[in-house]
Amino acid sequence: MIWMSKRRSGALAAAAVLAVAGCGGGGGGGEREQTPAPRGASPPASPSASPLPEPNGTLAKAPRGLAEDLNRTHRAIGPAVDEWVRGDPRRTGPPAAVVHLALRQQRLYRVLAKDRGLERRTLARLPEAVAGPARDNVTAVRKLLELAKPADDLGKFRTQEPPPAGVLLKHFKDAGKRFGVDWQVLAAIMLVETKYGRVKSPSWAGAQGPMQFMPATWRQYGMGGDIRDPRDAVMGAANYLKSSGAPGDYRRALHAYNPTPLYVESVQRHARRMRKDPRAYYAYYNWQVFVVTTRGDVRITGPGARR
């Protein structure tokens, strides 16, 4: 979300949906989802043949169990994404394996984001290939949770299905090429703002569309496009970042988008994961929308959502 003045930008479609940046609960505190835990150890060669994690399954509470779950999920989601991408993500939705594994990762990251000691003890049990991505994602989630303000009126949150992952990726790359900014930064912004367009409702301040522009700012940087159209919104965001210092100074540009170091750090961490492994984008695309409430976290999109 970009405010009319740059004194204070609201990065999220309502503060309560800050968990959009990484969601989940279970043993880490607050989430009201308790069903049987996933089964199986290492995934077989074909990810589609693996037992899928229960969307609301119980998560471990101890570092050993969390580390084993993170490692198992990390090993399974890469091949599952590869299998999906070998098709055509512009035309086909994500397979169930990617949907469920991405949600599992998201929930695990949130558990660790709420407890630094648990995070430290859990990551110490992981190989660096798993600990590195986990460290970035947990930090990104934690930064946004620090901005969250609980909201109990779930009725005001309107959601929708996002455009296909391949279509959005083309928008990010086209806008990046036109304005000379990294597509991963644009993708990270939409992830944080609206979970790739899943959040349809405007923010509490009136920001609109998948990239959360204030209407007055959109008139200046939207180039005559539709604030709610995903392609137009991405182009407008790239234009705004370029005008604010990108690619020379992404931190400055992101601070203009939302002037809080917490937001800037979260976006940069997510963008870094996508630079290191483009498959991370497809996992992020399947992260779901959680609302932080006074009674705990409530997931309002995805399989088994409470809505």
C-alpha atoms as a PDB file:
ATOM      1  CA  MET A   1       0.000   0.000   0.000  1.00  0.00           C
ATOM      2  CA  ILE A   2       1.311   3.435  -0.889  1.00  0.00           C
ATOM      3  CA  TRP A   3      -0.060   6.456   0.872  1.00  0.00           C
ATOM      4  CA  MET A   4      -0.614   9.816  -0.804  1.00  0.00           C
ATOM      5  CA  SER A   5       2.208  11.305   1.214  1.00  0.00           C
ATOM      6  CA  LYS A   6       5.372   9.365   1.877  1.00  0.00           C
ATOM      7  CA  ARG A   7       5.319  10.080   5.576  1.00  0.00           C
ATOM      8  CA  ARG A   8       3.683   6.764   6.346  1.00  0.00           C
ATOM      9  CA  SER A   9       2.902   3.956   3.890  1.00  0.00           C
ATOM     10  CA  GLY A  10       0.666   1.073   4.876  1.00  0.00           C
ATOM     11  CA  ALA A  11       2.219  -2.007   3.335  1.00  0.00           C
ATOM     12  CA  LEU A  12      -0.622  -4.417   3.946  1.00  0.00           C
ATOM     13  CA  ALA A  13      -4.229  -4.809   3.036  1.00  0.00           C
ATOM     14  CA  ALA A  14      -5.297  -4.070   6.615  1.00  0.00           C
ATOM     15  CA  ALA A  15      -2.879  -4.541   9.447  1.00  0.00           C
ATOM     16  CA  ALA A  16      -4.529  -7.757  10.556  1.00  0.00           C
ATOM     17  CA  VAL A  17      -3.527  -9.516   7.353  1.00  0.00           C
ATOM     18  CA  LEU A  18       0.166  -8.972   7.964  1.00  0.00           C
ATOM     19  CA  ALA A  19       0.405 -12.705   8.467  1.00  0.00           C
ATOM     20  CA  VAL A  20       0.087 -12.811   4.695  1.00  0.00           C
ATOM     21  CA  ALA A  21       3.871 -12.800   4.739  1.00  0.00           C
ATOM     22  CA  GLY A  22       4.078 -16.174   6.385  1.00  0.00           C
ATOM     23  CA  CYS A  23       1.387 -17.953   8.206  1.00  0.00           C
ATOM     24  CA  GLY A  24       0.658 -20.873  10.377  1.00  0.00           C
ATOM     25  CA  GLY A  25       0.378 -21.819  13.941  1.00  0.00           C
ATOM     26  CA  GLY A  26       0.213 -25.025  15.862  1.00  0.00           C
ATOM     27  CA  GLY A  27       2.725 -25.456  18.641  1.00  0.00           C
ATOM     28  CA  GLY A  28       4.157 -21.947  18.119  1.00  0.00           C
ATOM     29  CA  GLY A  29       1.170 -20.218  19.648  1.00  0.00           C
ATOM     30  CA  GLY A  30      -2.251 -19.075  18.684  1.00  0.00           C
ATOM     31  CA  GLU A  31      -3.468 -21.026  15.687  1.00  0.00           C
ATOM     32  CA  ARG A  32      -6.674 -22.925  16.289  1.00  0.00           C
ATOM     33  CA  GLU A  33      -6.025 -25.877  13.997  1.00  0.00           C
ATOM     34  CA  GLN A  34      -5.619 -29.281  15.576  1.00  0.00           C
ATOM     35  CA  THR A  35      -6.008 -32.375  13.394  1.00  0.00           C
ATOM     36  CA  PRO A  36      -3.776 -35.415  12.916  1.00  0.00           C
ATOM     37  CA  ALA A  37      -0.156 -34.782  11.968  1.00  0.00           C
ATOM     38  CA  PRO A  38       1.209 -35.693   8.513  1.00  0.00           C
ATOM     39  CA  ARG A  39       2.677 -39.118   8.016  1.00  0.00           C
ATOM     40  CA  GLY A  40       5.713 -40.436   6.221  1.00  0.00           C
ATOM     41  CA  ALA A  41       9.391 -39.624   6.385  1.00  0.00           C
ATOM     42  CA  SER A  42      11.300 -38.898   3.200  1.00  0.00           C
ATOM     43  CA  PRO A  43       9.324 -38.339   0.003  1.00  0.00           C
ATOM     44  CA  PRO A  44       9.521 -40.955  -2.733  1.00  0.00           C
ATOM     45  CA  ALA A  45      10.899 -40.119  -6.151  1.00  0.00           C
ATOM     46  CA  SER A  46       7.524 -38.889  -7.393  1.00  0.00           C
ATOM     47  CA  PRO A  47       6.289 -36.031  -5.184  1.00  0.00           C
ATOM     48  CA  SER A  48       2.722 -36.601  -6.309  1.00  0.00           C
ATOM     49  CA  ALA A  49       2.863 -40.081  -4.739  1.00  0.00           C
ATOM     50  CA  SER A  50       3.756 -38.766  -1.277  1.00  0.00           C
ATOM     51  CA  PRO A  51       1.162 -38.553   1.483  1.00  0.00           C
ATOM     52  CA  LEU A  52       0.177 -34.903   1.617  1.00  0.00           C
ATOM     53  CA  PRO A  53       0.395 -32.949   4.874  1.00  0.00           C
ATOM     54  CA  GLU A  54      -2.957 -32.258   6.463  1.00  0.00           C
ATOM     55  CA  PRO A  55      -3.710 -28.548   5.937  1.00  0.00           C
ATOM     56  CA  ASN A  56      -4.656 -28.123   9.593  1.00  0.00           C
ATOM     57  CA  GLY A  57      -2.475 -30.864  11.001  1.00  0.00           C
ATOM     58  CA  THR A  58      -0.815 -30.524  14.376  1.00  0.00           C
ATOM     59  CA  LEU A  59       2.751 -29.221  14.311  1.00  0.00           C
ATOM     60  CA  ALA A  60       5.534 -30.397  16.572  1.00  0.00           C
ATOM     61  CA  LYS A  61       6.402 -28.307  19.620  1.00  0.00           C
ATOM     62  CA  ALA A  62      10.022 -29.395  20.118  1.00  0.00           C
ATOM     63  CA  PRO A  63      13.034 -28.440  17.964  1.00  0.00           C
ATOM     64  CA  ARG A  64      13.709 -31.999  16.855  1.00  0.00           C
ATOM     65  CA  GLY A  65      10.218 -32.569  15.480  1.00  0.00           C
ATOM     66  CA  LEU A  66      10.077 -29.150  13.829  1.00  0.00           C
ATOM     67  CA  ALA A  67      13.475 -29.675  12.200  1.00  0.00           C
ATOM     68  CA  GLU A  68      12.457 -33.066  10.865  1.00  0.00           C
ATOM     69  CA  ASP A  69       9.240 -31.587   9.473  1.00  0.00           C
ATOM     70  CA  LEU A  70      11.055 -28.658   7.864  1.00  0.00           C
ATOM     71  CA  ASN A  71      13.664 -30.918   6.319  1.00  0.00           C
ATOM     72  CA  ARG A  72      11.077 -33.366   4.999  1.00  0.00           C
ATOM     73  CA  THR A  73       8.912 -30.590   3.564  1.00  0.00           C
ATOM     74  CA  HIS A  74      11.895 -28.821   1.987  1.00  0.00           C
ATOM     75  CA  ARG A  75      13.002 -32.031   0.280  1.00  0.00           C
ATOM     76  CA  ALA A  76       9.524 -32.666  -1.096  1.00  0.00           C
ATOM     77  CA  ILE A  77       8.474 -29.235  -2.325  1.00  0.00           C
ATOM     78  CA  GLY A  78      11.333 -28.697  -4.804  1.00  0.00           C
ATOM     79  CA  PRO A  79      10.521 -31.765  -6.921  1.00  0.00           C
ATOM     80  CA  ALA A  80       6.800 -30.996  -6.631  1.00  0.00           C
ATOM     81  CA  VAL A  81       7.385 -27.491  -8.026  1.00  0.00           C
ATOM     82  CA  ASP A  82       9.609 -28.880 -10.794  1.00  0.00           C
ATOM     83  CA  GLU A  83       6.848 -31.263 -11.818  1.00  0.00           C
ATOM     84  CA  TRP A  84       4.373 -28.377 -11.974  1.00  0.00           C
ATOM     85  CA  VAL A  85       6.692 -26.064 -13.912  1.00  0.00           C
ATOM     86  CA  ARG A  86       7.377 -28.747 -16.511  1.00  0.00           C
ATOM     87  CA  GLY A  87       3.781 -28.204 -17.511  1.00  0.00           C
ATOM     88  CA  ASP A  88       2.446 -24.709 -18.080  1.00  0.00           C
ATOM     89  CA  PRO A  89       1.841 -22.642 -14.909  1.00  0.00           C
ATOM     90  CA  ARG A  90       0.257 -19.975 -17.083  1.00  0.00           C
ATOM     91  CA  ARG A  91      -2.636 -22.313 -17.795  1.00  0.00           C
ATOM     92  CA  THR A  92      -2.655 -24.896 -15.032  1.00  0.00           C
ATOM     93  CA  GLY A  93      -3.193 -24.321 -11.350  1.00  0.00           C
ATOM     94  CA  PRO A  94      -0.812 -25.690  -8.741  1.00  0.00           C
ATOM     95  CA  PRO A  95      -0.986 -29.417  -8.032  1.00  0.00           C
ATOM     96  CA  ALA A  96      -2.216 -30.526  -4.629  1.00  0.00           C
ATOM     97  CA  ALA A  97       1.326 -31.495  -3.608  1.00  0.00           C
ATOM     98  CA  VAL A  98       2.594 -27.931  -4.010  1.00  0.00           C
ATOM     99  CA  VAL A  99      -0.466 -26.407  -2.333  1.00  0.00           C
ATOM    100  CA  HIS A 100      -0.197 -28.613   0.749  1.00  0.00           C
ATOM    101  CA  LEU A 101       3.590 -28.559   1.057  1.00  0.00           C
ATOM    102  CA  ALA A 102       3.772 -24.765   0.675  1.00  0.00           C
ATOM    103  CA  LEU A 103       1.123 -24.347   3.360  1.00  0.00           C
ATOM    104  CA  ARG A 104       3.041 -26.697   5.642  1.00  0.00           C
ATOM    105  CA  GLN A 105       6.226 -24.661   5.167  1.00  0.00           C
ATOM    106  CA  GLN A 106       4.342 -21.450   5.788  1.00  0.00           C
ATOM    107  CA  ARG A 107       2.890 -22.729   9.053  1.00  0.00           C
ATOM    108  CA  LEU A 108       6.245 -24.044  10.249  1.00  0.00           C
ATOM    109  CA  TYR A 109       7.936 -20.725   9.544  1.00  0.00           C
ATOM    110  CA  ARG A 110       5.312 -18.912  11.545  1.00  0.00           C
ATOM    111  CA  VAL A 111       5.748 -21.162  14.549  1.00  0.00           C
ATOM    112  CA  LEU A 112       9.447 -20.327  14.586  1.00  0.00           C
ATOM    113  CA  ALA A 113       8.827 -16.625  13.926  1.00  0.00           C
ATOM    114  CA  LYS A 114       6.968 -16.404  17.226  1.00  0.00           C
ATOM    115  CA  ASP A 115       9.756 -17.890  19.348  1.00  0.00           C
ATOM    116  CA  ARG A 116      13.382 -16.891  18.749  1.00  0.00           C
ATOM    117  CA  GLY A 117      14.722 -19.538  21.103  1.00  0.00           C
ATOM    118  CA  LEU A 118      12.762 -22.263  19.372  1.00  0.00           C
ATOM    119  CA  GLU A 119      13.934 -20.944  16.014  1.00  0.00           C
ATOM    120  CA  ARG A 120      17.569 -21.022  17.075  1.00  0.00           C
ATOM    121  CA  ARG A 121      17.385 -24.565  18.462  1.00  0.00           C
ATOM    122  CA  THR A 122      15.454 -25.835  15.448  1.00  0.00           C
ATOM    123  CA  LEU A 123      17.665 -24.310  12.772  1.00  0.00           C
ATOM    124  CA  ALA A 124      20.756 -25.665  14.514  1.00  0.00           C
ATOM    125  CA  ARG A 125      19.499 -29.169  13.693  1.00  0.00           C
ATOM    126  CA  LEU A 126      19.126 -28.458   9.973  1.00  0.00           C
ATOM    127  CA  PRO A 127      21.639 -28.681   7.116  1.00  0.00           C
ATOM    128  CA  GLU A 128      22.508 -25.225   5.790  1.00  0.00           C
ATOM    129  CA  ALA A 129      20.640 -25.914   2.536  1.00  0.00           C
ATOM    130  CA  VAL A 130      17.450 -25.969   4.610  1.00  0.00           C
ATOM    131  CA  ALA A 131      18.478 -23.643   7.444  1.00  0.00           C
ATOM    132  CA  GLY A 132      19.403 -20.771   5.084  1.00  0.00           C
ATOM    133  CA  PRO A 133      15.981 -20.468   3.429  1.00  0.00           C
ATOM    134  CA  ALA A 134      14.278 -21.067   6.767  1.00  0.00           C
ATOM    135  CA  ARG A 135      16.283 -18.286   8.417  1.00  0.00           C
ATOM    136  CA  ASP A 136      15.317 -15.747   5.740  1.00  0.00           C
ATOM    137  CA  ASN A 137      11.670 -16.766   5.714  1.00  0.00           C
ATOM    138  CA  VAL A 138      11.283 -16.859   9.474  1.00  0.00           C
ATOM    139  CA  THR A 139      12.880 -13.422   9.765  1.00  0.00           C
ATOM    140  CA  ALA A 140      10.629 -12.031   7.035  1.00  0.00           C
ATOM    141  CA  VAL A 141       7.543 -13.398   8.754  1.00  0.00           C
ATOM    142  CA  ARG A 142       8.623 -12.076  12.146  1.00  0.00           C
ATOM    143  CA  LYS A 143       9.182  -8.562  10.803  1.00  0.00           C
ATOM    144  CA  LEU A 144       5.651  -8.369   9.455  1.00  0.00           C
ATOM    145  CA  LEU A 145       4.115  -9.869  12.565  1.00  0.00           C
ATOM    146  CA  GLU A 146       5.676  -7.050  14.541  1.00  0.00           C
ATOM    147  CA  LEU A 147       3.514  -4.686  12.482  1.00  0.00           C
ATOM    148  CA  ALA A 148       0.317  -6.687  12.893  1.00  0.00           C
ATOM    149  CA  LYS A 149      -2.664  -5.393  14.834  1.00  0.00           C
ATOM    150  CA  PRO A 150      -5.247  -8.033  15.776  1.00  0.00           C
ATOM    151  CA  ALA A 151      -8.661  -7.702  14.172  1.00  0.00           C
ATOM    152  CA  ASP A 152     -11.655  -9.862  15.039  1.00  0.00           C
ATOM    153  CA  ASP A 153     -14.085  -8.850  12.288  1.00  0.00           C
ATOM    154  CA  LEU A 154     -13.329 -11.428   9.611  1.00  0.00           C
ATOM    155  CA  GLY A 155     -16.317 -10.296   7.609  1.00  0.00           C
ATOM    156  CA  LYS A 156     -14.484  -7.254   6.275  1.00  0.00           C
ATOM    157  CA  PHE A 157     -11.830  -9.364   4.555  1.00  0.00           C
ATOM    158  CA  ARG A 158     -12.784 -10.259   0.993  1.00  0.00           C
ATOM    159  CA  THR A 159     -10.689 -12.779  -0.874  1.00  0.00           C
ATOM    160  CA  GLN A 160     -10.511 -14.244  -4.349  1.00  0.00           C
ATOM    161  CA  GLU A 161      -8.516 -16.721  -6.392  1.00  0.00           C
ATOM    162  CA  PRO A 162      -5.222 -15.259  -7.671  1.00  0.00           C
ATOM    163  CA  PRO A 163      -4.290 -15.100 -11.348  1.00  0.00           C
ATOM    164  CA  PRO A 164      -2.254 -18.091 -12.580  1.00  0.00           C
ATOM    165  CA  ALA A 165       1.314 -18.194 -11.266  1.00  0.00           C
ATOM    166  CA  GLY A 166       2.830 -18.170 -14.748  1.00  0.00           C
ATOM    167  CA  VAL A 167       0.766 -15.160 -15.789  1.00  0.00           C
ATOM    168  CA  LEU A 168       1.866 -13.170 -12.741  1.00  0.00           C
ATOM    169  CA  LEU A 169       5.481 -14.173 -13.272  1.00  0.00           C
ATOM    170  CA  LYS A 170       5.356 -12.772 -16.788  1.00  0.00           C
ATOM    171  CA  HIS A 171       3.949  -9.502 -15.433  1.00  0.00           C
ATOM    172  CA  PHE A 172       6.799  -9.275 -12.902  1.00  0.00           C
ATOM    173  CA  LYS A 173       9.442  -9.973 -15.536  1.00  0.00           C
ATOM    174  CA  ASP A 174       7.934  -7.620 -18.117  1.00  0.00           C
ATOM    175  CA  ALA A 175       7.732  -4.780 -15.596  1.00  0.00           C
ATOM    176  CA  GLY A 176      11.219  -5.518 -14.314  1.00  0.00           C
ATOM    177  CA  LYS A 177      12.645  -5.352 -17.816  1.00  0.00           C
ATOM    178  CA  ARG A 178      10.798  -2.153 -18.690  1.00  0.00           C
ATOM    179  CA  PHE A 179      11.861  -0.246 -15.565  1.00  0.00           C
ATOM    180  CA  GLY A 180      15.154  -1.955 -14.787  1.00  0.00           C
ATOM    181  CA  VAL A 181      14.127  -3.432 -11.437  1.00  0.00           C
ATOM    182  CA  ASP A 182      14.403  -7.007 -10.222  1.00  0.00           C
ATOM    183  CA  TRP A 183      11.273  -9.035 -10.833  1.00  0.00           C
ATOM    184  CA  GLN A 184      11.874 -10.783  -7.524  1.00  0.00           C
ATOM    185  CA  VAL A 185      11.341  -7.515  -5.635  1.00  0.00           C
ATOM    186  CA  LEU A 186       8.032  -6.930  -7.392  1.00  0.00           C
ATOM    187  CA  ALA A 187       6.985 -10.500  -6.635  1.00  0.00           C
ATOM    188  CA  ALA A 188       7.964 -10.087  -2.982  1.00  0.00           C
ATOM    189  CA  ILE A 189       5.899  -6.900  -2.689  1.00  0.00           C
ATOM    190  CA  MET A 190       2.754  -8.573  -4.022  1.00  0.00           C
ATOM    191  CA  LEU A 191       3.389 -11.531  -1.723  1.00  0.00           C
ATOM    192  CA  VAL A 192       3.487  -9.242   1.307  1.00  0.00           C
ATOM    193  CA  GLU A 193       0.691  -6.926   0.208  1.00  0.00           C
ATOM    194  CA  THR A 194      -2.103  -9.247  -0.927  1.00  0.00           C
ATOM    195  CA  LYS A 195      -0.798 -12.795  -1.242  1.00  0.00           C
ATOM    196  CA  TYR A 196      -0.663 -12.448  -5.021  1.00  0.00           C
ATOM    197  CA  GLY A 197      -4.099 -10.879  -5.198  1.00  0.00           C
ATOM    198  CA  ARG A 198      -5.919 -13.216  -2.818  1.00  0.00           C
ATOM    199  CA  VAL A 199      -6.835 -10.235  -0.639  1.00  0.00           C
ATOM    200  CA  LYS A 200      -9.461  -8.351  -2.583  1.00  0.00           C
ATOM    201  CA  SER A 201     -10.681  -5.863   0.017  1.00  0.00           C
ATOM    202  CA  PRO A 202      -9.081  -2.416   0.323  1.00  0.00           C
ATOM    203  CA  SER A 203      -6.885  -1.628   3.287  1.00  0.00           C
ATOM    204  CA  TRP A 204      -8.104   0.288   6.318  1.00  0.00           C
ATOM    205  CA  ALA A 205      -6.504   3.383   4.780  1.00  0.00           C
ATOM    206  CA  GLY A 206      -8.145   2.906   1.377  1.00  0.00           C
ATOM    207  CA  ALA A 207      -5.294   1.344  -0.592  1.00  0.00           C
ATOM    208  CA  GLN A 208      -6.519  -0.765  -3.488  1.00  0.00           C
ATOM    209  CA  GLY A 209      -5.514  -3.495  -5.863  1.00  0.00           C
ATOM    210  CA  PRO A 210      -3.000  -6.338  -5.735  1.00  0.00           C
ATOM    211  CA  MET A 211      -0.078  -3.970  -5.114  1.00  0.00           C
ATOM    212  CA  GLN A 212      -2.043  -1.760  -2.679  1.00  0.00           C
ATOM    213  CA  PHE A 213      -1.859   1.738  -4.113  1.00  0.00           C
ATOM    214  CA  MET A 214      -3.578   4.741  -2.642  1.00  0.00           C
ATOM    215  CA  PRO A 215      -5.716   6.241  -5.449  1.00  0.00           C
ATOM    216  CA  ALA A 216      -3.854   9.582  -5.452  1.00  0.00           C
ATOM    217  CA  THR A 217      -0.489   7.848  -5.762  1.00  0.00           C
ATOM    218  CA  TRP A 218      -1.888   5.629  -8.481  1.00  0.00           C
ATOM    219  CA  ARG A 219      -2.879   8.681 -10.508  1.00  0.00           C
ATOM    220  CA  GLN A 220       0.746   9.772 -10.410  1.00  0.00           C
ATOM    221  CA  TYR A 221       2.466   6.450 -11.119  1.00  0.00           C
ATOM    222  CA  GLY A 222      -0.191   4.149 -12.586  1.00  0.00           C
ATOM    223  CA  MET A 223       0.276   5.406 -16.142  1.00  0.00           C
ATOM    224  CA  GLY A 224      -3.459   5.501 -16.785  1.00  0.00           C
ATOM    225  CA  GLY A 225      -3.988   1.836 -15.974  1.00  0.00           C
ATOM    226  CA  ASP A 226      -6.528   0.048 -13.802  1.00  0.00           C
ATOM    227  CA  ILE A 227      -5.469  -0.034 -10.147  1.00  0.00           C
ATOM    228  CA  ARG A 228      -7.114  -3.463  -9.733  1.00  0.00           C
ATOM    229  CA  ASP A 229      -5.628  -5.044 -12.857  1.00  0.00           C
ATOM    230  CA  PRO A 230      -2.638  -7.233 -11.891  1.00  0.00           C
ATOM    231  CA  ARG A 231      -0.492  -6.297 -14.879  1.00  0.00           C
ATOM    232  CA  ASP A 232      -1.216  -2.586 -14.583  1.00  0.00           C
ATOM    233  CA  ALA A 233      -0.603  -2.703 -10.831  1.00  0.00           C
ATOM    234  CA  VAL A 234       2.777  -4.404 -11.233  1.00  0.00           C
ATOM    235  CA  MET A 235       3.810  -1.883 -13.890  1.00  0.00           C
ATOM    236  CA  GLY A 236       2.779   0.959 -11.583  1.00  0.00           C
ATOM    237  CA  ALA A 237       4.772  -0.509  -8.714  1.00  0.00           C
ATOM    238  CA  ALA A 238       7.858  -0.895 -10.899  1.00  0.00           C
ATOM    239  CA  ASN A 239       7.457   2.706 -12.039  1.00  0.00           C
ATOM    240  CA  TYR A 240       7.183   3.866  -8.420  1.00  0.00           C
ATOM    241  CA  LEU A 241      10.233   1.877  -7.308  1.00  0.00           C
ATOM    242  CA  LYS A 242      12.268   3.238 -10.203  1.00  0.00           C
ATOM    243  CA  SER A 243      11.211   6.789  -9.332  1.00  0.00           C
ATOM    244  CA  SER A 244      12.157   6.152  -5.686  1.00  0.00           C
ATOM    245  CA  GLY A 245      15.715   4.919  -6.240  1.00  0.00           C
ATOM    246  CA  ALA A 246      15.625   1.364  -7.581  1.00  0.00           C
ATOM    247  CA  PRO A 247      17.628  -0.471  -8.731  1.00  0.00           C
ATOM    248  CA  GLY A 248      20.493   1.548  -7.300  1.00  0.00           C
ATOM    249  CA  ASP A 249      19.053   1.642  -3.802  1.00  0.00           C
ATOM    250  CA  TYR A 250      16.314  -0.894  -3.162  1.00  0.00           C
ATOM    251  CA  ARG A 251      16.215  -0.146   0.523  1.00  0.00           C
ATOM    252  CA  ARG A 252      15.423   3.491  -0.185  1.00  0.00           C
ATOM    253  CA  ALA A 253      12.832   2.575  -2.816  1.00  0.00           C
ATOM    254  CA  LEU A 254      11.099   0.074  -0.558  1.00  0.00           C
ATOM    255  CA  HIS A 255      11.170   2.555   2.310  1.00  0.00           C
ATOM    256  CA  ALA A 256       9.288   4.966   0.050  1.00  0.00           C
ATOM    257  CA  TYR A 257       6.763   2.210  -0.648  1.00  0.00           C
ATOM    258  CA  ASN A 258       6.344   1.657   3.094  1.00  0.00           C
ATOM    259  CA  PRO A 259       8.549   3.664   5.461  1.00  0.00           C
ATOM    260  CA  THR A 260       9.277   1.077   8.112  1.00  0.00           C
ATOM    261  CA  PRO A 261      12.453  -1.023   8.305  1.00  0.00           C
ATOM    262  CA  LEU A 262      10.324  -4.033   9.212  1.00  0.00           C
ATOM    263  CA  TYR A 263       8.574  -3.960   5.842  1.00  0.00           C
ATOM    264  CA  VAL A 264      11.776  -3.283   3.924  1.00  0.00           C
ATOM    265  CA  GLU A 265      13.585  -6.207   5.559  1.00  0.00           C
ATOM    266  CA  SER A 266      10.719  -8.599   4.949  1.00  0.00           C
ATOM    267  CA  VAL A 267      10.450  -7.788   1.242  1.00  0.00           C
ATOM    268  CA  GLN A 268      14.211  -8.007   0.778  1.00  0.00           C
ATOM    269  CA  ARG A 269      14.424 -11.391   2.509  1.00  0.00           C
ATOM    270  CA  HIS A 270      11.697 -12.866   0.331  1.00  0.00           C
ATOM    271  CA  ALA A 271      13.259 -11.388  -2.802  1.00  0.00           C
ATOM    272  CA  ARG A 272      16.625 -12.874  -1.855  1.00  0.00           C
ATOM    273  CA  ARG A 273      15.121 -16.357  -1.617  1.00  0.00           C
ATOM    274  CA  MET A 274      13.680 -16.016  -5.119  1.00  0.00           C
ATOM    275  CA  ARG A 275      17.012 -14.783  -6.491  1.00  0.00           C
ATOM    276  CA  LYS A 276      18.779 -17.796  -4.998  1.00  0.00           C
ATOM    277  CA  ASP A 277      16.165 -20.297  -6.143  1.00  0.00           C
ATOM    278  CA  PRO A 278      13.433 -19.260  -8.617  1.00  0.00           C
ATOM    279  CA  ARG A 279      11.326 -22.195  -7.406  1.00  0.00           C
ATOM    280  CA  ALA A 280      10.733 -20.212  -4.221  1.00  0.00           C
ATOM    281  CA  TYR A 281       8.351 -18.000  -6.199  1.00  0.00           C
ATOM    282  CA  TYR A 282       6.071 -20.952  -6.904  1.00  0.00           C
ATOM    283  CA  ALA A 283       6.077 -21.937  -3.243  1.00  0.00           C
ATOM    284  CA  TYR A 284       5.301 -18.352  -2.181  1.00  0.00           C
ATOM    285  CA  TYR A 285       2.497 -18.224  -4.734  1.00  0.00           C
ATOM    286  CA  ASN A 286       0.772 -20.918  -2.672  1.00  0.00           C
ATOM    287  CA  TRP A 287       1.126 -19.194   0.692  1.00  0.00           C
ATOM    288  CA  GLN A 288      -2.295 -18.463   2.103  1.00  0.00           C
ATOM    289  CA  VAL A 289      -3.964 -15.536   3.884  1.00  0.00           C
ATOM    290  CA  PHE A 290      -4.067 -15.565   7.680  1.00  0.00           C
ATOM    291  CA  VAL A 291      -5.710 -12.937   9.857  1.00  0.00           C
ATOM    292  CA  VAL A 292      -4.230 -12.158  13.255  1.00  0.00           C
ATOM    293  CA  THR A 293      -7.030 -11.962  15.814  1.00  0.00           C
ATOM    294  CA  THR A 294      -7.167 -11.641  19.579  1.00  0.00           C
ATOM    295  CA  ARG A 295      -8.111 -15.337  19.672  1.00  0.00           C
ATOM    296  CA  GLY A 296      -5.176 -16.473  17.537  1.00  0.00           C
ATOM    297  CA  ASP A 297      -4.433 -16.752  13.849  1.00  0.00           C
ATOM    298  CA  VAL A 298      -7.242 -17.656  11.468  1.00  0.00           C
ATOM    299  CA  ARG A 299      -6.538 -18.831   7.941  1.00  0.00           C
ATOM    300  CA  ILE A 300      -9.176 -17.615   5.485  1.00  0.00           C
ATOM    301  CA  THR A 301      -7.903 -19.056   2.170  1.00  0.00           C
ATOM    302  CA  GLY A 302      -6.612 -22.408   0.996  1.00  0.00           C
ATOM    303  CA  PRO A 303      -7.609 -25.996   1.810  1.00  0.00           C
ATOM    304  CA  GLY A 304      -9.383 -26.374   5.118  1.00  0.00           C
ATOM    305  CA  ALA A 305      -9.656 -22.615   5.639  1.00  0.00           C
ATOM    306  CA  ARG A 306     -11.845 -21.253   8.437  1.00  0.00           C
ATOM    307  CA  ARG A 307     -14.222 -19.076   6.467  1.00  0.00           C
END
